[in-house]
Protein backbone atom coordinates (compact mmCIF):
# COMPACT_ATOMS: atom_id res chain seq x y z
CA MET A 1 0.00 0.00 0.00
CA SER A 2 1.34 3.39 -0.84
CA ARG A 3 1.59 5.72 2.10
CA ILE A 4 0.28 9.27 2.07
CA PRO A 5 3.04 11.63 3.19
CA TYR A 6 2.62 13.69 6.33
CA PRO A 7 1.87 17.35 5.64
CA ASP A 8 4.59 19.96 5.95
CA ILE A 9 3.94 21.13 9.51
CA ASP A 10 5.73 24.46 8.95
CA ALA A 11 3.25 25.31 6.17
CA LEU A 12 0.21 24.81 8.41
CA PRO A 13 -1.64 27.61 10.22
CA ASP A 14 -0.17 28.46 13.65
CA LYS A 15 -3.13 27.00 15.54
CA MET A 16 -2.72 23.62 13.80
CA GLN A 17 1.03 23.67 14.48
CA ARG A 18 0.33 24.26 18.19
CA MET A 19 -2.19 21.40 18.27
CA ILE A 20 0.34 19.02 16.70
CA ALA A 21 3.03 20.19 19.13
CA GLY A 22 0.63 19.51 22.01
CA THR A 23 -0.03 15.94 20.87
CA PRO A 24 2.84 14.97 18.56
CA LEU A 25 1.42 11.66 17.35
CA ASN A 26 1.55 10.43 13.76
CA VAL A 27 -2.24 10.22 13.57
CA VAL A 28 -2.48 13.88 14.61
CA ARG A 29 0.14 14.89 12.06
CA MET A 30 -1.70 13.01 9.31
CA GLY A 31 -5.00 14.52 10.38
CA ALA A 32 -3.54 17.93 9.57
CA HIS A 33 -4.30 17.18 5.91
CA ALA A 34 -7.95 17.88 6.84
CA SER A 35 -9.45 21.33 6.77
CA PRO A 36 -8.59 23.35 9.88
CA GLU A 37 -12.21 23.08 11.04
CA LEU A 38 -12.29 19.27 10.83
CA PHE A 39 -8.80 18.97 12.30
CA GLU A 40 -9.81 21.10 15.30
CA ALA A 41 -13.12 19.27 15.74
CA GLN A 42 -11.44 15.85 15.67
CA GLY A 43 -8.86 17.08 18.18
CA ALA A 44 -11.56 18.45 20.47
CA LEU A 45 -13.43 15.14 20.32
CA GLY A 46 -10.26 13.21 21.16
CA TYR A 47 -9.51 15.46 24.12
CA ALA A 48 -13.10 15.17 25.35
CA ILE A 49 -12.99 11.38 25.20
CA ALA A 50 -9.81 11.47 27.30
CA GLN A 51 -11.62 13.17 30.19
CA PRO A 52 -12.46 10.73 33.00
CA ASP A 53 -15.88 12.33 33.54
CA VAL A 54 -16.84 11.52 29.93
CA LEU A 55 -16.04 7.81 30.28
CA GLU A 56 -14.26 6.25 33.20
CA PRO A 57 -10.80 5.20 31.97
CA LYS A 58 -11.37 1.43 32.12
CA VAL A 59 -14.65 1.75 30.18
CA ARG A 60 -12.98 4.03 27.64
CA GLU A 61 -10.10 1.63 27.04
CA VAL A 62 -12.34 -1.44 26.76
CA THR A 63 -14.41 0.41 24.18
CA ILE A 64 -11.40 1.58 22.19
CA LEU A 65 -9.79 -1.87 22.26
CA VAL A 66 -12.97 -3.46 20.91
CA VAL A 67 -12.97 -0.99 18.02
CA ALA A 68 -9.25 -1.45 17.40
CA PHE A 69 -9.39 -5.26 17.41
CA LEU A 70 -12.49 -5.42 15.20
CA SER A 71 -11.05 -2.83 12.82
CA GLY A 72 -7.67 -4.59 12.66
CA SER A 73 -5.99 -1.31 13.63
CA GLU A 74 -2.48 -2.15 14.79
CA TYR A 75 -1.79 1.56 15.31
CA GLU A 76 -4.70 1.91 17.76
CA LEU A 77 -3.74 -1.34 19.49
CA ASN A 78 -0.14 -0.14 19.79
CA GLN A 79 -1.41 3.06 21.41
CA HIS A 80 -4.10 1.61 23.64
CA ARG A 81 -2.78 -1.72 24.96
CA PRO A 82 -0.39 0.11 27.33
CA LEU A 83 -3.12 2.58 28.25
CA ALA A 84 -5.47 -0.30 29.05
CA ARG A 85 -2.84 -1.84 31.32
CA ALA A 86 -2.24 1.56 32.94
CA VAL A 87 -5.94 1.87 33.88
CA GLY A 88 -6.04 -1.61 35.40
CA LEU A 89 -6.96 -4.05 32.65
CA THR A 90 -5.03 -7.29 32.87
CA GLU A 91 -3.34 -9.09 30.00
CA ASP A 92 -6.03 -11.78 30.29
CA GLU A 93 -8.75 -9.14 29.92
CA ILE A 94 -7.00 -7.54 26.95
CA ASP A 95 -6.62 -10.98 25.34
CA ALA A 96 -10.31 -11.71 26.00
CA ILE A 97 -11.25 -8.49 24.21
CA GLY A 98 -9.00 -9.45 21.31
CA TRP A 99 -10.66 -12.85 21.01
CA GLY A 100 -14.15 -11.39 21.44
CA ASP A 101 -14.57 -13.51 24.57
CA TYR A 102 -16.24 -10.73 26.53
CA ALA A 103 -17.75 -13.12 29.09
CA ARG A 104 -14.26 -13.29 30.64
CA LEU A 105 -14.63 -9.63 31.67
CA GLU A 106 -16.51 -8.44 34.75
CA PRO A 107 -20.24 -8.19 33.90
CA ARG A 108 -20.34 -4.40 33.44
CA LEU A 109 -17.32 -4.38 31.13
CA ALA A 110 -18.65 -7.44 29.28
CA ALA A 111 -21.92 -5.62 28.56
CA ILE A 112 -20.00 -2.57 27.35
CA ALA A 113 -17.66 -4.63 25.14
CA THR A 114 -20.58 -6.59 23.68
CA PHE A 115 -22.40 -3.33 22.96
CA ALA A 116 -19.29 -1.82 21.33
CA ALA A 117 -18.75 -4.91 19.18
CA ALA A 118 -22.38 -4.96 18.03
CA THR A 119 -22.22 -1.25 17.21
CA VAL A 120 -19.05 -1.73 15.16
CA ARG A 121 -20.25 -4.84 13.35
CA ASP A 122 -23.99 -4.29 13.02
CA LEU A 123 -24.42 -0.50 13.18
CA ALA A 124 -26.93 -0.94 16.00
CA PRO A 125 -27.01 -3.60 18.71
CA SER A 126 -29.90 -5.97 19.22
CA ASP A 127 -32.58 -5.09 21.75
CA GLU A 128 -31.06 -7.65 24.12
CA VAL A 129 -27.54 -6.16 23.90
CA LEU A 130 -28.90 -2.64 24.27
CA ALA A 131 -30.95 -3.63 27.33
CA ALA A 132 -27.91 -5.27 28.92
CA VAL A 133 -25.71 -2.20 28.52
CA ARG A 134 -28.50 0.16 29.61
CA HIS A 135 -28.74 -1.89 32.82
CA GLU A 136 -25.08 -1.03 33.46
CA VAL A 137 -24.71 2.60 32.33
CA THR A 138 -26.59 5.89 32.25
CA ASP A 139 -28.02 7.34 29.06
CA ARG A 140 -25.20 9.91 29.05
CA VAL A 141 -22.56 7.17 29.20
CA LEU A 142 -24.40 5.22 26.49
CA VAL A 143 -24.30 8.20 24.12
CA ASN A 144 -20.65 8.85 25.06
CA LEU A 145 -19.89 5.22 24.22
CA VAL A 146 -21.47 5.57 20.77
CA LEU A 147 -19.55 8.78 20.04
CA THR A 148 -16.29 7.18 21.23
CA ILE A 149 -16.91 4.15 19.03
CA GLY A 150 -17.55 6.40 16.05
CA CYS A 151 -14.45 8.49 16.72
CA TYR A 152 -12.16 5.47 16.93
CA MET A 153 -13.78 3.79 13.91
CA SER A 154 -13.08 6.99 11.98
CA LEU A 155 -9.47 7.06 13.18
CA ALA A 156 -9.00 3.37 12.29
CA ARG A 157 -10.09 4.12 8.75
CA LEU A 158 -7.84 7.19 8.48
CA ILE A 159 -4.95 5.06 9.70
CA ALA A 160 -5.71 2.25 7.24
CA VAL A 161 -6.18 4.50 4.21
CA THR A 162 -3.11 6.66 4.83
CA GLY A 163 -0.75 3.98 6.17
CA ILE A 164 0.16 5.81 9.37
CA GLU A 165 3.15 4.27 11.10
CA PRO A 166 3.07 3.51 14.86
CA ASP A 167 4.61 6.09 17.16
CA GLU A 168 7.76 5.22 19.09
CA ASN A 169 7.16 7.48 22.10
CA ARG A 170 3.40 7.07 22.11
CA LEU A 171 2.68 7.41 25.82
CA GLU A 172 4.73 10.57 26.31
CA ALA A 173 2.83 12.27 23.48
CA LEU A 174 -0.68 11.60 24.77
CA PRO A 175 -2.95 14.09 26.48
CA THR A 176 -2.68 13.77 30.25
CA GLY A 177 -6.25 12.46 30.59
CA LEU A 178 -5.43 9.41 28.48
CA ARG A 179 -2.38 8.53 30.55
CA GLU A 180 -4.41 8.30 33.76
């Protein structure tokens, strides 16, 4: 696959240069090919998802890992496996997510992972899957889950189409909220 080159950062508007400097990840650099409005909106969504009051960190990482595994996004997996461990997921839990064996997770996380998988694969989960996740989370968290799934599905496709290479110093470049 031919790779799309990263944009010339020095040629970008100052605001975009500052955003890239604040989160110097390859996916952010590649995203700078977008219009400034879309680039800023995607960055704002990413920062919002990183906030613990949007999704508790363990829920966020389970959700992102489901998307990454189902999308075959090695870049996202490279970024989020260490983050998942940092928020308390075990290697066995991460492996279970990778195999789609969500029953090996605690019930709340299993319902969330099953919901995320159904949303990725089927667009909308079955009534049974939706009822199970609604038993575990508030409506606000449910909507935040859907928006997080959509964000990371979008990123997985950007990564796949452009051939973004994994980052070497990935954890140091992340927003503080994602490292906690």
